[in-house]
Amino acid sequence: MQILLVEDDPSMQATLQRALLRRGMQVQLVGDGLQALQRWQAQPPDALVLDLSLPGLDGLEVLAQGRALGLATPVLVLTARSTVGDRVLGLNAGADDYLPKPFDLDELEARLRALLRRSSTALAPSGADTSVQLGHMRYERDSGAVYHLGEPMDFTPRERALMQALLARPGQAVAKERLYALVFPGEVTVQYEAIEVVVYRLRKKLAGTGVDLVTLRGLGYLLKQSQS
């Protein structure tokens, strides 16, 4: 795995580079936001590990400009900014995952490998099956439509955004912050707890579909096939 590590602290740079190299990853180091954007565009890596507090160009700007340029590299944000608002800003700017400092190096490796797996799935050949079957429900990735026993299900725009985010990773937890950013994009006045209202309404609509919407405390939400 080719990693572009964007971090301006020399001690943190050295620590992360050693740790990732020991885990079989190749690491390029950049300590400046402008240089990071140029390197990302010139030589897109398999994954980008991005600190937010950078000289030259703030990490959020690096992320936003990279996405505006069409750079689809999975991005893991590392930062000491650990408030919910900061995490939502990063996810809205295009981050795929968020790891607050201090963090465990094994968790960093696991998150990077998970990002690579999801990226590989997204780049599957066009002839691959693009539908997801879960319980009595089928999700068509291309159209975004969800069917129950062959009949299309009716969702509000926010319910649909939540469903699509969860169905993109069936059986895997999606962080509450990530879901908030997808369901309420740019709506900074909406309370963070509003995502729970959408989850509640969606649970009611999933009754009888053979699919459960599960809350994992501290991790987020996931969809899984009902046991009964």
C-alpha atoms as a PDB file:
ATOM      1  CA  MET A   1       0.000   0.000   0.000  1.00  0.00           C
ATOM      2  CA  GLN A   2       1.358   3.423  -1.014  1.00  0.00           C
ATOM      3  CA  ILE A   3       0.643   5.977   1.721  1.00  0.00           C
ATOM      4  CA  LEU A   4       1.042   9.747   1.474  1.00  0.00           C
ATOM      5  CA  LEU A   5       1.537  10.966   5.049  1.00  0.00           C
ATOM      6  CA  VAL A   6       0.867  14.674   5.496  1.00  0.00           C
ATOM      7  CA  GLU A   7       2.092  15.737   8.949  1.00  0.00           C
ATOM      8  CA  ASP A   8       4.181  18.760   9.910  1.00  0.00           C
ATOM      9  CA  ASP A   9       5.502  17.503  13.272  1.00  0.00           C
ATOM     10  CA  PRO A  10       8.926  15.830  12.677  1.00  0.00           C
ATOM     11  CA  SER A  11       8.586  13.524  15.690  1.00  0.00           C
ATOM     12  CA  MET A  12       5.127  12.352  14.642  1.00  0.00           C
ATOM     13  CA  GLN A  13       6.349  11.958  11.045  1.00  0.00           C
ATOM     14  CA  ALA A  14       9.180   9.668  12.134  1.00  0.00           C
ATOM     15  CA  THR A  15       7.002   7.619  14.488  1.00  0.00           C
ATOM     16  CA  LEU A  16       4.249   7.040  11.931  1.00  0.00           C
ATOM     17  CA  GLN A  17       6.654   6.324   9.098  1.00  0.00           C
ATOM     18  CA  ARG A  18       8.478   3.655  11.133  1.00  0.00           C
ATOM     19  CA  ALA A  19       5.217   2.088  12.275  1.00  0.00           C
ATOM     20  CA  LEU A  20       3.713   1.928   8.780  1.00  0.00           C
ATOM     21  CA  LEU A  21       6.911   0.647   7.196  1.00  0.00           C
ATOM     22  CA  ARG A  22       7.029  -2.177   9.752  1.00  0.00           C
ATOM     23  CA  ARG A  23       3.475  -3.033   8.696  1.00  0.00           C
ATOM     24  CA  GLY A  24       4.504  -3.425   5.049  1.00  0.00           C
ATOM     25  CA  MET A  25       3.368  -0.048   3.735  1.00  0.00           C
ATOM     26  CA  GLN A  26       5.377   2.384   1.623  1.00  0.00           C
ATOM     27  CA  VAL A  27       5.281   5.931   2.958  1.00  0.00           C
ATOM     28  CA  GLN A  28       5.922   9.313   1.356  1.00  0.00           C
ATOM     29  CA  LEU A  29       6.253  12.246   3.756  1.00  0.00           C
ATOM     30  CA  VAL A  30       5.030  15.807   3.237  1.00  0.00           C
ATOM     31  CA  GLY A  31       4.916  18.499   5.929  1.00  0.00           C
ATOM     32  CA  ASP A  32       3.229  21.367   4.073  1.00  0.00           C
ATOM     33  CA  GLY A  33      -0.351  21.701   2.838  1.00  0.00           C
ATOM     34  CA  LEU A  34       0.468  23.196  -0.566  1.00  0.00           C
ATOM     35  CA  GLN A  35       3.135  20.566  -1.242  1.00  0.00           C
ATOM     36  CA  ALA A  36       0.716  17.868  -0.117  1.00  0.00           C
ATOM     37  CA  LEU A  37      -1.922  18.957  -2.644  1.00  0.00           C
ATOM     38  CA  GLN A  38       0.685  19.074  -5.435  1.00  0.00           C
ATOM     39  CA  ARG A  39       2.059  15.615  -4.550  1.00  0.00           C
ATOM     40  CA  TRP A  40      -1.431  14.152  -4.223  1.00  0.00           C
ATOM     41  CA  GLN A  41      -2.347  15.414  -7.679  1.00  0.00           C
ATOM     42  CA  ALA A  42       0.949  14.407  -9.321  1.00  0.00           C
ATOM     43  CA  GLN A  43       1.244  10.931  -7.769  1.00  0.00           C
ATOM     44  CA  PRO A  44      -2.069   9.770  -6.254  1.00  0.00           C
ATOM     45  CA  PRO A  45      -1.345   7.238  -3.483  1.00  0.00           C
ATOM     46  CA  ASP A  46      -3.490   4.304  -2.377  1.00  0.00           C
ATOM     47  CA  ALA A  47      -4.454   6.242   0.764  1.00  0.00           C
ATOM     48  CA  LEU A  48      -3.813   9.676   2.233  1.00  0.00           C
ATOM     49  CA  VAL A  49      -3.169  10.200   5.957  1.00  0.00           C
ATOM     50  CA  LEU A  50      -3.833  13.881   6.556  1.00  0.00           C
ATOM     51  CA  ASP A  51      -3.246  16.091   9.584  1.00  0.00           C
ATOM     52  CA  LEU A  52      -5.452  19.192   9.702  1.00  0.00           C
ATOM     53  CA  SER A  53      -3.079  21.736  11.280  1.00  0.00           C
ATOM     54  CA  LEU A  54      -0.580  22.351   8.495  1.00  0.00           C
ATOM     55  CA  PRO A  55       1.548  25.262   7.279  1.00  0.00           C
ATOM     56  CA  GLY A  56       0.957  26.607   3.781  1.00  0.00           C
ATOM     57  CA  LEU A  57      -2.589  25.302   3.468  1.00  0.00           C
ATOM     58  CA  ASP A  58      -4.899  23.972   6.176  1.00  0.00           C
ATOM     59  CA  GLY A  59      -5.695  20.266   5.978  1.00  0.00           C
ATOM     60  CA  LEU A  60      -9.391  20.902   5.382  1.00  0.00           C
ATOM     61  CA  GLU A  61      -8.490  23.068   2.381  1.00  0.00           C
ATOM     62  CA  VAL A  62      -6.137  20.381   1.070  1.00  0.00           C
ATOM     63  CA  LEU A  63      -8.988  17.903   1.333  1.00  0.00           C
ATOM     64  CA  ALA A  64     -11.631  20.169  -0.212  1.00  0.00           C
ATOM     65  CA  GLN A  65      -9.405  21.234  -3.118  1.00  0.00           C
ATOM     66  CA  GLY A  66      -8.303  17.660  -3.786  1.00  0.00           C
ATOM     67  CA  ARG A  67     -11.896  16.487  -4.009  1.00  0.00           C
ATOM     68  CA  ALA A  68     -12.765  19.454  -6.240  1.00  0.00           C
ATOM     69  CA  LEU A  69      -9.970  18.315  -8.562  1.00  0.00           C
ATOM     70  CA  GLY A  70     -11.575  14.877  -8.763  1.00  0.00           C
ATOM     71  CA  LEU A  71      -9.011  13.081  -6.586  1.00  0.00           C
ATOM     72  CA  ALA A  72     -10.816  10.034  -5.207  1.00  0.00           C
ATOM     73  CA  THR A  73      -8.045   8.686  -2.950  1.00  0.00           C
ATOM     74  CA  PRO A  74      -9.358   7.412   0.409  1.00  0.00           C
ATOM     75  CA  VAL A  75      -8.444   9.976   3.086  1.00  0.00           C
ATOM     76  CA  LEU A  76      -7.927   9.281   6.779  1.00  0.00           C
ATOM     77  CA  VAL A  77      -7.807  12.478   8.837  1.00  0.00           C
ATOM     78  CA  LEU A  78      -5.561  12.605  11.920  1.00  0.00           C
ATOM     79  CA  THR A  79      -6.085  15.528  14.234  1.00  0.00           C
ATOM     80  CA  ALA A  80      -6.156  16.789  17.789  1.00  0.00           C
ATOM     81  CA  ARG A  81      -9.440  18.535  16.941  1.00  0.00           C
ATOM     82  CA  SER A  82     -11.760  16.007  18.529  1.00  0.00           C
ATOM     83  CA  THR A  83     -15.092  17.829  18.813  1.00  0.00           C
ATOM     84  CA  VAL A  84     -18.107  16.565  16.888  1.00  0.00           C
ATOM     85  CA  GLY A  85     -18.244  19.823  14.901  1.00  0.00           C
ATOM     86  CA  ASP A  86     -14.663  19.394  13.721  1.00  0.00           C
ATOM     87  CA  ARG A  87     -15.273  15.790  12.718  1.00  0.00           C
ATOM     88  CA  VAL A  88     -18.372  16.781  10.749  1.00  0.00           C
ATOM     89  CA  LEU A  89     -16.396  19.522   8.962  1.00  0.00           C
ATOM     90  CA  GLY A  90     -13.763  16.985   7.936  1.00  0.00           C
ATOM     91  CA  LEU A  91     -16.328  14.467   6.705  1.00  0.00           C
ATOM     92  CA  ASN A  92     -18.211  17.155   4.794  1.00  0.00           C
ATOM     93  CA  ALA A  93     -14.955  18.214   3.134  1.00  0.00           C
ATOM     94  CA  GLY A  94     -14.525  14.664   1.806  1.00  0.00           C
ATOM     95  CA  ALA A  95     -12.730  12.625   4.481  1.00  0.00           C
ATOM     96  CA  ASP A  96     -13.444   8.889   4.500  1.00  0.00           C
ATOM     97  CA  ASP A  97     -12.456   8.308   8.107  1.00  0.00           C
ATOM     98  CA  TYR A  98     -11.372  10.287  11.155  1.00  0.00           C
ATOM     99  CA  LEU A  99      -8.913   9.286  13.908  1.00  0.00           C
ATOM    100  CA  PRO A 100      -8.390  11.734  16.790  1.00  0.00           C
ATOM    101  CA  LYS A 101      -5.010  12.064  18.499  1.00  0.00           C
ATOM    102  CA  PRO A 102      -3.716  10.313  20.512  1.00  0.00           C
ATOM    103  CA  PHE A 103      -4.446   7.020  18.777  1.00  0.00           C
ATOM    104  CA  ASP A 104      -3.276   3.407  18.733  1.00  0.00           C
ATOM    105  CA  LEU A 105      -0.979   2.443  15.849  1.00  0.00           C
ATOM    106  CA  ASP A 106      -2.748  -0.884  15.374  1.00  0.00           C
ATOM    107  CA  GLU A 107      -6.046   0.962  14.968  1.00  0.00           C
ATOM    108  CA  LEU A 108      -4.431   3.271  12.395  1.00  0.00           C
ATOM    109  CA  GLU A 109      -3.278   0.254  10.380  1.00  0.00           C
ATOM    110  CA  ALA A 110      -6.699  -1.416  10.614  1.00  0.00           C
ATOM    111  CA  ARG A 111      -8.493   1.724   9.450  1.00  0.00           C
ATOM    112  CA  LEU A 112      -6.118   2.192   6.508  1.00  0.00           C
ATOM    113  CA  ARG A 113      -6.575  -1.386   5.354  1.00  0.00           C
ATOM    114  CA  ALA A 114     -10.357  -1.034   5.686  1.00  0.00           C
ATOM    115  CA  LEU A 115     -10.225   2.096   3.513  1.00  0.00           C
ATOM    116  CA  LEU A 116      -8.242   0.224   0.878  1.00  0.00           C
ATOM    117  CA  ARG A 117     -10.720  -2.668   0.861  1.00  0.00           C
ATOM    118  CA  ARG A 118     -13.654  -0.287   0.412  1.00  0.00           C
ATOM    119  CA  SER A 119     -11.802   1.546  -2.348  1.00  0.00           C
ATOM    120  CA  SER A 120     -11.080  -1.733  -4.164  1.00  0.00           C
ATOM    121  CA  THR A 121     -14.752  -2.686  -3.959  1.00  0.00           C
ATOM    122  CA  ALA A 122     -15.782   0.683  -5.382  1.00  0.00           C
ATOM    123  CA  LEU A 123     -13.442   0.143  -8.331  1.00  0.00           C
ATOM    124  CA  ALA A 124     -14.849  -3.285  -9.193  1.00  0.00           C
ATOM    125  CA  PRO A 125     -15.331  -3.988 -12.945  1.00  0.00           C
ATOM    126  CA  SER A 126     -18.464  -2.533 -14.503  1.00  0.00           C
ATOM    127  CA  GLY A 127     -19.735  -6.025 -15.274  1.00  0.00           C
ATOM    128  CA  ALA A 128     -19.805  -6.913 -11.573  1.00  0.00           C
ATOM    129  CA  ASP A 129     -23.097  -7.329  -9.716  1.00  0.00           C
ATOM    130  CA  THR A 130     -24.117  -3.897  -8.441  1.00  0.00           C
ATOM    131  CA  SER A 131     -27.030  -5.030  -6.264  1.00  0.00           C
ATOM    132  CA  VAL A 132     -27.014  -5.837  -2.543  1.00  0.00           C
ATOM    133  CA  GLN A 133     -29.420  -8.442  -1.139  1.00  0.00           C
ATOM    134  CA  LEU A 134     -30.131  -8.252   2.595  1.00  0.00           C
ATOM    135  CA  GLY A 135     -33.045 -10.109   4.160  1.00  0.00           C
ATOM    136  CA  HIS A 136     -36.063  -9.584   1.886  1.00  0.00           C
ATOM    137  CA  MET A 137     -34.610  -6.309   0.669  1.00  0.00           C
ATOM    138  CA  ARG A 138     -32.577  -5.529  -2.452  1.00  0.00           C
ATOM    139  CA  TYR A 139     -30.533  -2.389  -3.021  1.00  0.00           C
ATOM    140  CA  GLU A 140     -29.573  -1.355  -6.559  1.00  0.00           C
ATOM    141  CA  ARG A 141     -26.312   0.622  -6.307  1.00  0.00           C
ATOM    142  CA  ASP A 142     -26.624   2.170  -9.771  1.00  0.00           C
ATOM    143  CA  SER A 143     -30.087   3.670  -9.306  1.00  0.00           C
ATOM    144  CA  GLY A 144     -30.127   3.958  -5.517  1.00  0.00           C
ATOM    145  CA  ALA A 145     -33.516   2.204  -5.411  1.00  0.00           C
ATOM    146  CA  VAL A 146     -34.427  -0.158  -2.548  1.00  0.00           C
ATOM    147  CA  TYR A 147     -36.954  -2.978  -3.030  1.00  0.00           C
ATOM    148  CA  HIS A 148     -38.837  -5.152  -0.539  1.00  0.00           C
ATOM    149  CA  LEU A 149     -40.039  -8.418  -2.090  1.00  0.00           C
ATOM    150  CA  GLY A 150     -39.730  -6.775  -5.489  1.00  0.00           C
ATOM    151  CA  GLU A 151     -41.729  -3.655  -4.582  1.00  0.00           C
ATOM    152  CA  PRO A 152     -39.949  -0.262  -4.372  1.00  0.00           C
ATOM    153  CA  MET A 153     -39.735   1.175  -0.859  1.00  0.00           C
ATOM    154  CA  ASP A 154     -40.691   4.780  -0.189  1.00  0.00           C
ATOM    155  CA  PHE A 155     -38.240   6.901   1.812  1.00  0.00           C
ATOM    156  CA  THR A 156     -37.852  10.585   2.547  1.00  0.00           C
ATOM    157  CA  PRO A 157     -34.624  12.116   1.148  1.00  0.00           C
ATOM    158  CA  ARG A 158     -32.963  11.907   4.573  1.00  0.00           C
ATOM    159  CA  GLU A 159     -34.079   8.333   5.153  1.00  0.00           C
ATOM    160  CA  ARG A 160     -32.788   7.396   1.698  1.00  0.00           C
ATOM    161  CA  ALA A 161     -29.414   9.050   2.361  1.00  0.00           C
ATOM    162  CA  LEU A 162     -29.116   7.083   5.603  1.00  0.00           C
ATOM    163  CA  MET A 163     -30.150   3.823   3.939  1.00  0.00           C
ATOM    164  CA  GLN A 164     -27.683   4.242   1.095  1.00  0.00           C
ATOM    165  CA  ALA A 165     -24.839   4.960   3.512  1.00  0.00           C
ATOM    166  CA  LEU A 166     -25.614   1.842   5.554  1.00  0.00           C
ATOM    167  CA  LEU A 167     -26.250  -0.390   2.531  1.00  0.00           C
ATOM    168  CA  ALA A 168     -22.896   0.613   1.077  1.00  0.00           C
ATOM    169  CA  ARG A 169     -21.369  -1.335   3.993  1.00  0.00           C
ATOM    170  CA  PRO A 170     -23.918  -3.978   5.087  1.00  0.00           C
ATOM    171  CA  GLY A 171     -22.939  -5.650   8.336  1.00  0.00           C
ATOM    172  CA  GLN A 172     -20.346  -2.961   9.108  1.00  0.00           C
ATOM    173  CA  ALA A 173     -20.754  -0.054  11.490  1.00  0.00           C
ATOM    174  CA  VAL A 174     -20.888   3.454  10.035  1.00  0.00           C
ATOM    175  CA  ALA A 175     -19.912   6.239  12.428  1.00  0.00           C
ATOM    176  CA  LYS A 176     -22.664   8.542  13.624  1.00  0.00           C
ATOM    177  CA  GLU A 177     -20.594  11.565  12.537  1.00  0.00           C
ATOM    178  CA  ARG A 178     -20.278  10.180   9.020  1.00  0.00           C
ATOM    179  CA  LEU A 179     -24.014   9.566   8.784  1.00  0.00           C
ATOM    180  CA  TYR A 180     -24.800  13.036  10.096  1.00  0.00           C
ATOM    181  CA  ALA A 181     -22.587  14.564   7.410  1.00  0.00           C
ATOM    182  CA  LEU A 182     -24.342  12.541   4.680  1.00  0.00           C
ATOM    183  CA  VAL A 183     -27.909  13.001   5.909  1.00  0.00           C
ATOM    184  CA  PHE A 184     -27.621  16.707   6.798  1.00  0.00           C
ATOM    185  CA  PRO A 185     -24.955  18.013   4.370  1.00  0.00           C
ATOM    186  CA  GLY A 186     -24.053  21.614   5.116  1.00  0.00           C
ATOM    187  CA  GLU A 187     -26.932  22.045   7.583  1.00  0.00           C
ATOM    188  CA  VAL A 188     -24.872  23.405  10.478  1.00  0.00           C
ATOM    189  CA  THR A 189     -27.962  24.559  12.413  1.00  0.00           C
ATOM    190  CA  VAL A 190     -29.379  21.024  12.683  1.00  0.00           C
ATOM    191  CA  GLN A 191     -28.786  19.410  16.070  1.00  0.00           C
ATOM    192  CA  TYR A 192     -26.405  16.441  16.058  1.00  0.00           C
ATOM    193  CA  GLU A 193     -29.052  14.268  17.765  1.00  0.00           C
ATOM    194  CA  ALA A 194     -31.376  14.739  14.769  1.00  0.00           C
ATOM    195  CA  ILE A 195     -29.770  11.676  13.165  1.00  0.00           C
ATOM    196  CA  GLU A 196     -31.436   9.575  15.884  1.00  0.00           C
ATOM    197  CA  VAL A 197     -34.866  10.761  14.721  1.00  0.00           C
ATOM    198  CA  VAL A 198     -34.124   9.602  11.170  1.00  0.00           C
ATOM    199  CA  VAL A 199     -32.864   6.263  12.517  1.00  0.00           C
ATOM    200  CA  TYR A 200     -36.071   5.821  14.540  1.00  0.00           C
ATOM    201  CA  ARG A 201     -38.312   6.479  11.514  1.00  0.00           C
ATOM    202  CA  LEU A 202     -36.244   4.208   9.302  1.00  0.00           C
ATOM    203  CA  ARG A 203     -36.443   1.362  11.826  1.00  0.00           C
ATOM    204  CA  LYS A 204     -40.233   1.495  11.645  1.00  0.00           C
ATOM    205  CA  LYS A 205     -40.171   1.258   7.844  1.00  0.00           C
ATOM    206  CA  LEU A 206     -37.802  -1.744   7.984  1.00  0.00           C
ATOM    207  CA  ALA A 207     -40.219  -3.798  10.102  1.00  0.00           C
ATOM    208  CA  GLY A 208     -40.982  -7.045   8.284  1.00  0.00           C
ATOM    209  CA  THR A 209     -38.179  -6.705   5.725  1.00  0.00           C
ATOM    210  CA  GLY A 210     -35.872  -9.208   7.431  1.00  0.00           C
ATOM    211  CA  VAL A 211     -33.381  -6.413   8.085  1.00  0.00           C
ATOM    212  CA  ASP A 212     -32.450  -4.859  11.432  1.00  0.00           C
ATOM    213  CA  LEU A 213     -30.983  -1.392  11.946  1.00  0.00           C
ATOM    214  CA  VAL A 214     -28.651  -1.881  14.918  1.00  0.00           C
ATOM    215  CA  THR A 215     -27.176   0.758  17.219  1.00  0.00           C
ATOM    216  CA  LEU A 216     -23.605   0.048  18.333  1.00  0.00           C
ATOM    217  CA  ARG A 217     -22.905   2.326  21.258  1.00  0.00           C
ATOM    218  CA  GLY A 218     -19.815   4.424  20.623  1.00  0.00           C
ATOM    219  CA  LEU A 219     -19.389   3.062  17.068  1.00  0.00           C
ATOM    220  CA  GLY A 220     -22.465   4.075  15.077  1.00  0.00           C
ATOM    221  CA  TYR A 221     -25.128   2.083  13.230  1.00  0.00           C
ATOM    222  CA  LEU A 222     -25.254  -0.923  10.921  1.00  0.00           C
ATOM    223  CA  LEU A 223     -27.737  -2.958   8.910  1.00  0.00           C
ATOM    224  CA  LYS A 224     -27.826  -6.725   9.281  1.00  0.00           C
ATOM    225  CA  GLN A 225     -30.129  -9.582   8.359  1.00  0.00           C
ATOM    226  CA  SER A 226     -32.638 -10.438  11.071  1.00  0.00           C
ATOM    227  CA  GLN A 227     -31.948 -13.622  13.017  1.00  0.00           C
ATOM    228  CA  SER A 228     -35.593 -14.756  13.074  1.00  0.00           C
END
